[in-house]
C-alpha cells in the first residue's frame, strides 16, 4: 500500500501517548490487583483499517459503545479527520471496582490521503459500532503513474 507511511502523524502526540500507555501497563503489571484504585484509561484510539482500490479508499474504524452522534467526520484538502468522545458509563462512585480495562475519552484520528477528494462525494455509515467511510478518488487522481525508464550509466 503506497499510503501506509503517511497514515500516522510523524510522531509527537502519538509517540507520547504510546509511551504513556506502556508506562501504565508497567505500573499495572507491578501492582496488579494490589492497586488500591483502578486507573481510568483515557488514552484510547480507535482501531482503523484502510483499504485502497482503483475507485478509492475505504476507511473502517471500530467505535464500540458509541453512536453516530458521538463522532465527527471531516475532510480538509487531503486530510480525513475522525474525532469523537467515548463517555464513561461508570457512576462517579469509585467503590466496588476490581478491574476497569475499558477505555474512555476524546480521540482524534487524522489520515493523510494520497489524493484530495471532493468532500461532497465522501460517504459514511455507522453500523453496530463500526464506522465505514468511503472516499472515492477524483478523476484526476485515477490516472496511472507514468513509468520512467532508467538507463545504465
N, C-alpha and C. Protein backbone atom coordinates (compact mmCIF):
# COMPACT_ATOMS: atom_id res chain seq x y z
N UNK A 1 0.85 -1.18 0.00
CA UNK A 1 0.00 0.00 0.00
C UNK A 1 0.89 1.24 0.00
N UNK A 2 0.70 2.04 -0.98
CA UNK A 2 1.53 3.22 -1.14
C UNK A 2 1.32 4.24 -0.05
N UNK A 3 0.16 4.24 0.59
CA UNK A 3 -0.14 5.31 1.54
C UNK A 3 0.22 4.98 2.98
N UNK A 4 0.67 3.77 3.28
CA UNK A 4 0.93 3.41 4.67
C UNK A 4 1.90 4.34 5.39
N UNK A 5 3.00 4.78 4.79
CA UNK A 5 3.89 5.66 5.55
C UNK A 5 3.24 6.96 6.00
N UNK A 6 2.21 7.43 5.30
CA UNK A 6 1.60 8.70 5.66
C UNK A 6 0.34 8.55 6.51
N UNK A 7 0.01 7.34 6.95
CA UNK A 7 -1.22 7.15 7.71
C UNK A 7 -1.18 7.84 9.07
N UNK A 8 -0.05 7.76 9.74
CA UNK A 8 0.02 8.24 11.11
C UNK A 8 0.88 9.48 11.18
N UNK A 9 0.62 10.30 12.19
CA UNK A 9 1.40 11.50 12.39
C UNK A 9 2.87 11.15 12.53
N UNK A 10 3.72 12.11 12.26
CA UNK A 10 5.16 11.88 12.26
C UNK A 10 5.73 11.58 13.64
N UNK A 11 4.97 11.64 14.66
CA UNK A 11 5.49 11.34 15.99
C UNK A 11 4.71 12.08 17.04
N UNK A 12 5.34 13.05 17.63
CA UNK A 12 4.72 13.95 18.58
C UNK A 12 3.75 13.30 19.54
N UNK A 13 2.48 13.64 19.40
CA UNK A 13 1.43 13.20 20.32
C UNK A 13 1.28 11.68 20.30
N UNK A 14 1.34 11.08 19.12
CA UNK A 14 1.19 9.62 19.05
C UNK A 14 2.27 8.91 19.84
N UNK A 15 3.52 9.35 19.69
CA UNK A 15 4.62 8.72 20.41
C UNK A 15 4.46 8.92 21.92
N UNK A 16 4.06 10.13 22.33
CA UNK A 16 3.88 10.42 23.74
C UNK A 16 2.78 9.53 24.34
N UNK A 17 1.65 9.41 23.64
CA UNK A 17 0.55 8.58 24.14
C UNK A 17 0.95 7.11 24.23
N UNK A 18 1.73 6.64 23.26
CA UNK A 18 2.19 5.25 23.29
C UNK A 18 3.14 5.03 24.47
N UNK A 19 4.03 5.98 24.74
CA UNK A 19 4.92 5.88 25.90
C UNK A 19 4.13 5.85 27.20
N UNK A 20 3.10 6.69 27.30
CA UNK A 20 2.27 6.73 28.50
C UNK A 20 1.51 5.42 28.68
N UNK A 21 1.03 4.85 27.59
CA UNK A 21 0.31 3.58 27.65
C UNK A 21 1.23 2.48 28.16
N UNK A 22 2.47 2.44 27.63
CA UNK A 22 3.43 1.42 28.08
C UNK A 22 3.76 1.59 29.56
N UNK A 23 3.93 2.85 30.01
CA UNK A 23 4.23 3.11 31.40
C UNK A 23 3.07 2.65 32.28
N UNK A 24 1.84 2.91 31.85
CA UNK A 24 0.67 2.49 32.62
C UNK A 24 0.61 0.97 32.70
N UNK A 25 0.92 0.28 31.60
CA UNK A 25 0.93 -1.19 31.62
C UNK A 25 1.96 -1.72 32.60
N UNK A 26 3.15 -1.08 32.65
CA UNK A 26 4.18 -1.50 33.60
C UNK A 26 3.70 -1.31 35.05
N UNK A 27 3.04 -0.20 35.32
CA UNK A 27 2.51 0.05 36.67
C UNK A 27 1.47 -1.00 37.02
N UNK A 28 0.57 -1.31 36.07
CA UNK A 28 -0.46 -2.31 36.32
C UNK A 28 0.16 -3.69 36.53
N UNK A 29 1.24 -4.02 35.79
CA UNK A 29 1.91 -5.30 35.99
C UNK A 29 2.59 -5.35 37.35
N UNK A 30 3.20 -4.24 37.75
CA UNK A 30 3.93 -4.20 39.02
C UNK A 30 3.00 -4.33 40.22
N UNK A 31 1.87 -3.64 40.19
CA UNK A 31 0.98 -3.61 41.34
C UNK A 31 -0.19 -4.58 41.22
N UNK A 32 -0.57 -4.91 40.00
CA UNK A 32 -1.65 -5.85 39.76
C UNK A 32 -2.89 -5.55 40.57
N UNK A 33 -3.44 -6.58 41.20
CA UNK A 33 -4.68 -6.44 41.99
C UNK A 33 -4.46 -5.67 43.28
N UNK A 34 -3.19 -5.45 43.67
CA UNK A 34 -2.93 -4.72 44.91
C UNK A 34 -3.18 -3.23 44.74
N UNK A 35 -3.31 -2.77 43.52
CA UNK A 35 -3.54 -1.35 43.29
C UNK A 35 -4.84 -0.94 43.97
N UNK A 36 -4.82 0.11 44.81
CA UNK A 36 -6.00 0.48 45.58
C UNK A 36 -7.12 1.06 44.74
N UNK A 37 -6.81 1.59 43.58
CA UNK A 37 -7.85 2.23 42.78
C UNK A 37 -7.55 1.95 41.30
N UNK A 38 -8.55 1.63 40.52
CA UNK A 38 -8.29 1.38 39.11
C UNK A 38 -7.85 2.66 38.41
N UNK A 39 -7.04 2.49 37.39
CA UNK A 39 -6.60 3.62 36.61
C UNK A 39 -7.60 3.82 35.48
N UNK A 40 -8.16 5.01 35.37
CA UNK A 40 -9.12 5.30 34.30
C UNK A 40 -8.33 5.58 33.03
N UNK A 41 -8.51 4.75 32.04
CA UNK A 41 -7.77 4.90 30.80
C UNK A 41 -8.47 5.90 29.90
N UNK A 42 -7.72 6.92 29.49
CA UNK A 42 -8.27 7.93 28.59
C UNK A 42 -7.40 8.12 27.37
N UNK A 43 -6.50 7.18 27.13
CA UNK A 43 -5.56 7.32 26.03
C UNK A 43 -5.93 6.47 24.82
N UNK A 44 -7.15 6.08 24.74
CA UNK A 44 -7.53 5.14 23.69
C UNK A 44 -7.64 5.82 22.33
N UNK A 45 -7.37 5.07 21.31
CA UNK A 45 -7.54 5.50 19.92
C UNK A 45 -8.24 4.35 19.22
N UNK A 46 -9.29 4.64 18.48
CA UNK A 46 -9.98 3.54 17.81
C UNK A 46 -9.10 2.88 16.76
N UNK A 47 -9.23 1.58 16.65
CA UNK A 47 -8.51 0.83 15.62
C UNK A 47 -9.13 1.14 14.26
N UNK A 48 -8.27 1.29 13.26
CA UNK A 48 -8.76 1.58 11.91
C UNK A 48 -8.13 0.64 10.90
N UNK A 49 -8.84 0.44 9.81
CA UNK A 49 -8.33 -0.28 8.64
C UNK A 49 -8.51 0.65 7.45
N UNK A 50 -7.54 0.65 6.54
CA UNK A 50 -7.64 1.44 5.32
C UNK A 50 -7.39 0.51 4.15
N UNK A 51 -8.36 0.44 3.25
CA UNK A 51 -8.23 -0.42 2.08
C UNK A 51 -8.31 0.45 0.83
N UNK A 52 -7.34 0.24 -0.07
CA UNK A 52 -7.31 1.03 -1.30
C UNK A 52 -7.73 0.17 -2.48
N UNK A 53 -8.56 0.74 -3.34
CA UNK A 53 -8.98 0.09 -4.58
C UNK A 53 -8.81 1.10 -5.71
N UNK A 54 -9.05 0.67 -6.92
CA UNK A 54 -8.93 1.58 -8.06
C UNK A 54 -9.89 2.77 -7.95
N UNK A 55 -11.04 2.55 -7.34
CA UNK A 55 -12.06 3.60 -7.26
C UNK A 55 -11.88 4.54 -6.08
N UNK A 56 -11.08 4.12 -5.09
CA UNK A 56 -10.89 4.98 -3.93
C UNK A 56 -10.48 4.21 -2.70
N UNK A 57 -10.75 4.79 -1.54
CA UNK A 57 -10.36 4.20 -0.26
C UNK A 57 -11.59 3.87 0.58
N UNK A 58 -11.45 2.85 1.40
CA UNK A 58 -12.46 2.55 2.41
C UNK A 58 -11.74 2.56 3.75
N UNK A 59 -12.20 3.42 4.65
CA UNK A 59 -11.63 3.53 5.98
C UNK A 59 -12.68 2.98 6.95
N UNK A 60 -12.26 2.03 7.77
CA UNK A 60 -13.15 1.44 8.76
C UNK A 60 -12.58 1.69 10.14
N UNK A 61 -13.40 2.20 11.05
CA UNK A 61 -12.96 2.49 12.42
C UNK A 61 -13.87 1.77 13.40
N UNK A 62 -13.27 1.08 14.36
CA UNK A 62 -14.03 0.41 15.42
C UNK A 62 -14.32 1.42 16.52
N UNK A 63 -15.60 1.66 16.78
CA UNK A 63 -16.03 2.62 17.79
C UNK A 63 -17.07 1.99 18.70
N UNK A 64 -16.68 0.94 19.45
CA UNK A 64 -17.66 0.24 20.28
C UNK A 64 -18.22 1.15 21.37
N UNK A 65 -19.50 1.00 21.62
CA UNK A 65 -20.15 1.78 22.67
C UNK A 65 -20.47 3.21 22.26
N UNK A 66 -20.27 3.54 20.99
CA UNK A 66 -20.54 4.90 20.51
C UNK A 66 -21.67 4.87 19.49
N UNK A 67 -22.24 6.04 19.24
CA UNK A 67 -23.25 6.20 18.21
C UNK A 67 -22.75 7.22 17.21
N UNK A 68 -23.46 7.37 16.11
CA UNK A 68 -23.04 8.33 15.09
C UNK A 68 -23.07 9.77 15.62
N UNK A 69 -23.86 10.03 16.65
CA UNK A 69 -23.89 11.38 17.24
C UNK A 69 -22.61 11.68 18.03
N UNK A 70 -21.86 10.65 18.44
CA UNK A 70 -20.63 10.83 19.20
C UNK A 70 -19.42 11.09 18.31
N UNK A 71 -19.59 11.01 16.99
CA UNK A 71 -18.47 11.07 16.06
C UNK A 71 -18.62 12.23 15.10
N UNK A 72 -17.49 12.89 14.79
CA UNK A 72 -17.47 13.96 13.80
C UNK A 72 -16.45 13.57 12.72
N UNK A 73 -16.83 13.74 11.47
CA UNK A 73 -16.00 13.35 10.34
C UNK A 73 -15.81 14.57 9.46
N UNK A 74 -14.57 14.83 9.02
CA UNK A 74 -14.34 15.97 8.14
C UNK A 74 -13.22 15.66 7.15
N UNK A 75 -13.24 16.38 6.03
CA UNK A 75 -12.20 16.29 5.01
C UNK A 75 -11.73 17.70 4.74
N UNK A 76 -10.41 17.90 4.82
CA UNK A 76 -9.81 19.19 4.52
C UNK A 76 -8.66 18.94 3.57
N UNK A 77 -8.87 19.27 2.31
CA UNK A 77 -7.90 19.02 1.25
C UNK A 77 -7.61 17.51 1.18
N UNK A 78 -6.42 17.05 1.59
CA UNK A 78 -6.10 15.62 1.52
C UNK A 78 -6.02 14.97 2.91
N UNK A 79 -6.70 15.57 3.90
CA UNK A 79 -6.66 15.03 5.26
C UNK A 79 -8.08 14.66 5.70
N UNK A 80 -8.24 13.40 6.10
CA UNK A 80 -9.50 12.91 6.65
C UNK A 80 -9.35 12.89 8.16
N UNK A 81 -10.30 13.48 8.88
CA UNK A 81 -10.25 13.53 10.34
C UNK A 81 -11.49 12.87 10.92
N UNK A 82 -11.25 11.95 11.84
CA UNK A 82 -12.33 11.30 12.59
C UNK A 82 -12.10 11.69 14.05
N UNK A 83 -13.08 12.35 14.66
CA UNK A 83 -12.92 12.67 16.08
C UNK A 83 -14.23 12.42 16.80
N UNK A 84 -14.09 12.21 18.10
CA UNK A 84 -15.27 11.94 18.90
C UNK A 84 -14.90 11.74 20.35
N UNK A 85 -15.88 11.27 21.11
CA UNK A 85 -15.64 11.03 22.53
C UNK A 85 -16.46 9.84 22.97
N UNK A 86 -15.80 8.92 23.64
CA UNK A 86 -16.48 7.77 24.23
C UNK A 86 -16.62 8.08 25.72
N UNK A 87 -17.86 8.25 26.13
CA UNK A 87 -18.12 8.64 27.51
C UNK A 87 -18.18 7.42 28.42
N UNK A 88 -17.70 7.60 29.63
CA UNK A 88 -17.69 6.52 30.62
C UNK A 88 -19.11 6.22 31.06
N UNK A 89 -19.41 4.95 31.18
CA UNK A 89 -20.73 4.53 31.65
C UNK A 89 -20.75 4.39 33.17
N UNK A 90 -19.58 4.49 33.79
CA UNK A 90 -19.47 4.28 35.23
C UNK A 90 -19.99 5.49 36.00
N UNK A 91 -20.59 5.20 37.13
CA UNK A 91 -21.03 6.28 38.01
C UNK A 91 -19.81 6.89 38.69
N UNK A 92 -19.98 8.05 39.31
CA UNK A 92 -18.88 8.74 39.98
C UNK A 92 -18.37 7.97 41.20
N UNK A 93 -19.19 7.08 41.76
CA UNK A 93 -18.80 6.32 42.94
C UNK A 93 -17.65 5.38 42.57
N UNK A 94 -16.50 5.55 43.19
CA UNK A 94 -15.32 4.75 42.88
C UNK A 94 -15.27 3.43 43.64
N UNK A 95 -16.18 3.19 44.57
CA UNK A 95 -16.15 1.97 45.38
C UNK A 95 -16.62 0.78 44.56
N UNK A 96 -16.06 -0.38 44.86
CA UNK A 96 -16.54 -1.61 44.28
C UNK A 96 -15.80 -2.07 43.03
N UNK A 97 -14.97 -1.24 42.43
CA UNK A 97 -14.26 -1.63 41.22
C UNK A 97 -13.14 -2.61 41.56
N UNK A 98 -13.05 -3.69 40.82
CA UNK A 98 -11.93 -4.62 40.94
C UNK A 98 -11.03 -4.46 39.71
N UNK A 99 -11.65 -4.36 38.55
CA UNK A 99 -10.91 -4.21 37.30
C UNK A 99 -11.68 -3.24 36.42
N UNK A 100 -10.96 -2.34 35.80
CA UNK A 100 -11.58 -1.44 34.83
C UNK A 100 -10.61 -1.25 33.68
N UNK A 101 -10.82 -2.03 32.59
CA UNK A 101 -9.90 -2.02 31.47
C UNK A 101 -10.43 -1.29 30.24
N UNK A 102 -11.72 -1.04 30.20
CA UNK A 102 -12.28 -0.36 29.05
C UNK A 102 -11.83 1.09 29.05
N UNK A 103 -11.55 1.62 27.87
CA UNK A 103 -11.02 2.97 27.75
C UNK A 103 -12.10 3.95 27.34
N UNK A 104 -11.95 5.17 27.82
CA UNK A 104 -12.90 6.23 27.53
C UNK A 104 -12.12 7.51 27.25
N UNK A 105 -12.80 8.47 26.68
CA UNK A 105 -12.20 9.78 26.46
C UNK A 105 -12.33 10.24 25.03
N UNK A 106 -11.80 11.42 24.78
CA UNK A 106 -11.85 12.01 23.44
C UNK A 106 -10.71 11.45 22.60
N UNK A 107 -10.92 11.40 21.30
CA UNK A 107 -9.88 10.95 20.38
C UNK A 107 -9.95 11.76 19.10
N UNK A 108 -8.85 11.78 18.40
CA UNK A 108 -8.77 12.37 17.05
C UNK A 108 -7.86 11.47 16.24
N UNK A 109 -8.33 11.01 15.10
CA UNK A 109 -7.52 10.24 14.16
C UNK A 109 -7.47 11.04 12.87
N UNK A 110 -6.29 11.35 12.39
CA UNK A 110 -6.15 12.05 11.12
C UNK A 110 -5.38 11.16 10.17
N UNK A 111 -5.86 11.10 8.95
CA UNK A 111 -5.22 10.29 7.91
C UNK A 111 -4.91 11.19 6.72
N UNK A 112 -3.66 11.21 6.32
CA UNK A 112 -3.31 11.94 5.10
C UNK A 112 -3.60 11.02 3.93
N UNK A 113 -4.45 11.48 3.04
CA UNK A 113 -4.86 10.68 1.90
C UNK A 113 -3.90 10.90 0.74
N UNK A 114 -3.79 9.93 -0.17
CA UNK A 114 -2.90 10.09 -1.32
C UNK A 114 -3.49 10.98 -2.42
N UNK A 115 -4.65 11.56 -2.18
CA UNK A 115 -5.30 12.46 -3.12
C UNK A 115 -6.25 13.36 -2.35
N UNK A 116 -6.73 14.42 -3.00
CA UNK A 116 -7.69 15.34 -2.37
C UNK A 116 -9.08 15.03 -2.89
N UNK A 117 -9.92 14.37 -2.09
CA UNK A 117 -11.26 14.03 -2.55
C UNK A 117 -12.19 15.24 -2.49
N UNK A 118 -13.28 15.14 -3.22
CA UNK A 118 -14.34 16.14 -3.11
C UNK A 118 -15.16 15.76 -1.88
N UNK A 119 -15.27 16.68 -0.93
CA UNK A 119 -15.95 16.38 0.34
C UNK A 119 -17.38 15.89 0.12
N UNK A 120 -18.06 16.43 -0.86
CA UNK A 120 -19.46 16.03 -1.10
C UNK A 120 -19.58 14.59 -1.62
N UNK A 121 -18.48 14.00 -2.10
CA UNK A 121 -18.52 12.63 -2.59
C UNK A 121 -18.18 11.60 -1.51
N UNK A 122 -17.64 12.05 -0.39
CA UNK A 122 -17.28 11.14 0.70
C UNK A 122 -18.55 10.74 1.43
N UNK A 123 -18.71 9.44 1.69
CA UNK A 123 -19.89 8.94 2.40
C UNK A 123 -19.45 8.16 3.64
N UNK A 124 -20.35 8.08 4.62
CA UNK A 124 -20.05 7.36 5.85
C UNK A 124 -21.29 6.65 6.35
N UNK A 125 -21.07 5.45 6.89
CA UNK A 125 -22.14 4.66 7.50
C UNK A 125 -21.67 4.20 8.87
N UNK A 126 -22.60 4.13 9.81
CA UNK A 126 -22.28 3.69 11.17
C UNK A 126 -23.20 2.54 11.51
N UNK A 127 -22.64 1.33 11.66
CA UNK A 127 -23.44 0.15 11.95
C UNK A 127 -22.77 -0.68 13.04
N UNK A 128 -23.50 -0.96 14.11
CA UNK A 128 -23.04 -1.82 15.20
C UNK A 128 -21.65 -1.43 15.70
N UNK A 129 -21.43 -0.14 15.91
CA UNK A 129 -20.17 0.33 16.46
C UNK A 129 -19.01 0.41 15.48
N UNK A 130 -19.30 0.26 14.19
CA UNK A 130 -18.25 0.33 13.17
C UNK A 130 -18.59 1.45 12.19
N UNK A 131 -17.66 2.40 12.05
CA UNK A 131 -17.79 3.49 11.10
C UNK A 131 -17.08 3.10 9.82
N UNK A 132 -17.78 3.16 8.69
CA UNK A 132 -17.18 2.87 7.39
C UNK A 132 -17.27 4.12 6.53
N UNK A 133 -16.11 4.64 6.13
CA UNK A 133 -16.03 5.85 5.33
C UNK A 133 -15.54 5.46 3.94
N UNK A 134 -16.29 5.87 2.92
CA UNK A 134 -15.91 5.60 1.54
C UNK A 134 -15.44 6.91 0.92
N UNK A 135 -14.19 6.91 0.43
CA UNK A 135 -13.57 8.10 -0.13
C UNK A 135 -13.24 7.81 -1.59
N UNK A 136 -14.12 8.24 -2.53
CA UNK A 136 -13.83 7.98 -3.93
C UNK A 136 -12.70 8.85 -4.45
N UNK A 137 -11.91 8.27 -5.36
CA UNK A 137 -10.83 9.04 -5.98
C UNK A 137 -11.44 9.99 -7.00
N UNK A 138 -10.99 11.24 -7.02
CA UNK A 138 -11.45 12.14 -8.07
C UNK A 138 -10.84 11.71 -9.40
N UNK A 139 -11.47 12.07 -10.54
CA UNK A 139 -10.97 11.62 -11.84
C UNK A 139 -9.49 11.92 -12.08
N UNK A 140 -9.01 13.07 -11.63
CA UNK A 140 -7.61 13.42 -11.86
C UNK A 140 -6.66 12.53 -11.07
N UNK A 141 -7.11 11.93 -9.97
CA UNK A 141 -6.26 11.06 -9.16
C UNK A 141 -6.21 9.65 -9.70
N UNK A 142 -7.15 9.29 -10.57
CA UNK A 142 -7.24 7.93 -11.09
C UNK A 142 -6.24 7.65 -12.20
N UNK A 143 -5.53 8.67 -12.68
CA UNK A 143 -4.56 8.48 -13.74
C UNK A 143 -3.40 7.64 -13.22
N UNK A 144 -3.00 6.62 -13.99
CA UNK A 144 -1.89 5.79 -13.53
C UNK A 144 -0.58 6.57 -13.60
N UNK A 145 0.35 6.20 -12.74
CA UNK A 145 1.66 6.85 -12.73
C UNK A 145 2.41 6.50 -14.00
N UNK A 146 3.18 7.43 -14.51
CA UNK A 146 3.99 7.19 -15.72
C UNK A 146 5.30 6.56 -15.32
N UNK A 147 5.64 5.50 -15.99
CA UNK A 147 6.90 4.81 -15.72
C UNK A 147 8.00 5.53 -16.48
N UNK A 148 9.09 5.78 -15.78
CA UNK A 148 10.23 6.45 -16.39
C UNK A 148 11.36 5.45 -16.50
N UNK A 149 11.89 5.31 -17.69
CA UNK A 149 12.96 4.35 -17.95
C UNK A 149 14.26 4.85 -17.32
N UNK A 150 14.98 3.93 -16.70
CA UNK A 150 16.28 4.25 -16.12
C UNK A 150 17.34 3.62 -17.01
N UNK A 151 18.24 4.45 -17.51
CA UNK A 151 19.29 3.96 -18.41
C UNK A 151 20.55 3.64 -17.62
N UNK A 152 21.24 2.62 -18.07
CA UNK A 152 22.50 2.26 -17.43
C UNK A 152 23.54 3.34 -17.74
N UNK A 153 24.40 3.64 -16.78
CA UNK A 153 25.36 4.74 -16.93
C UNK A 153 26.69 4.35 -17.43
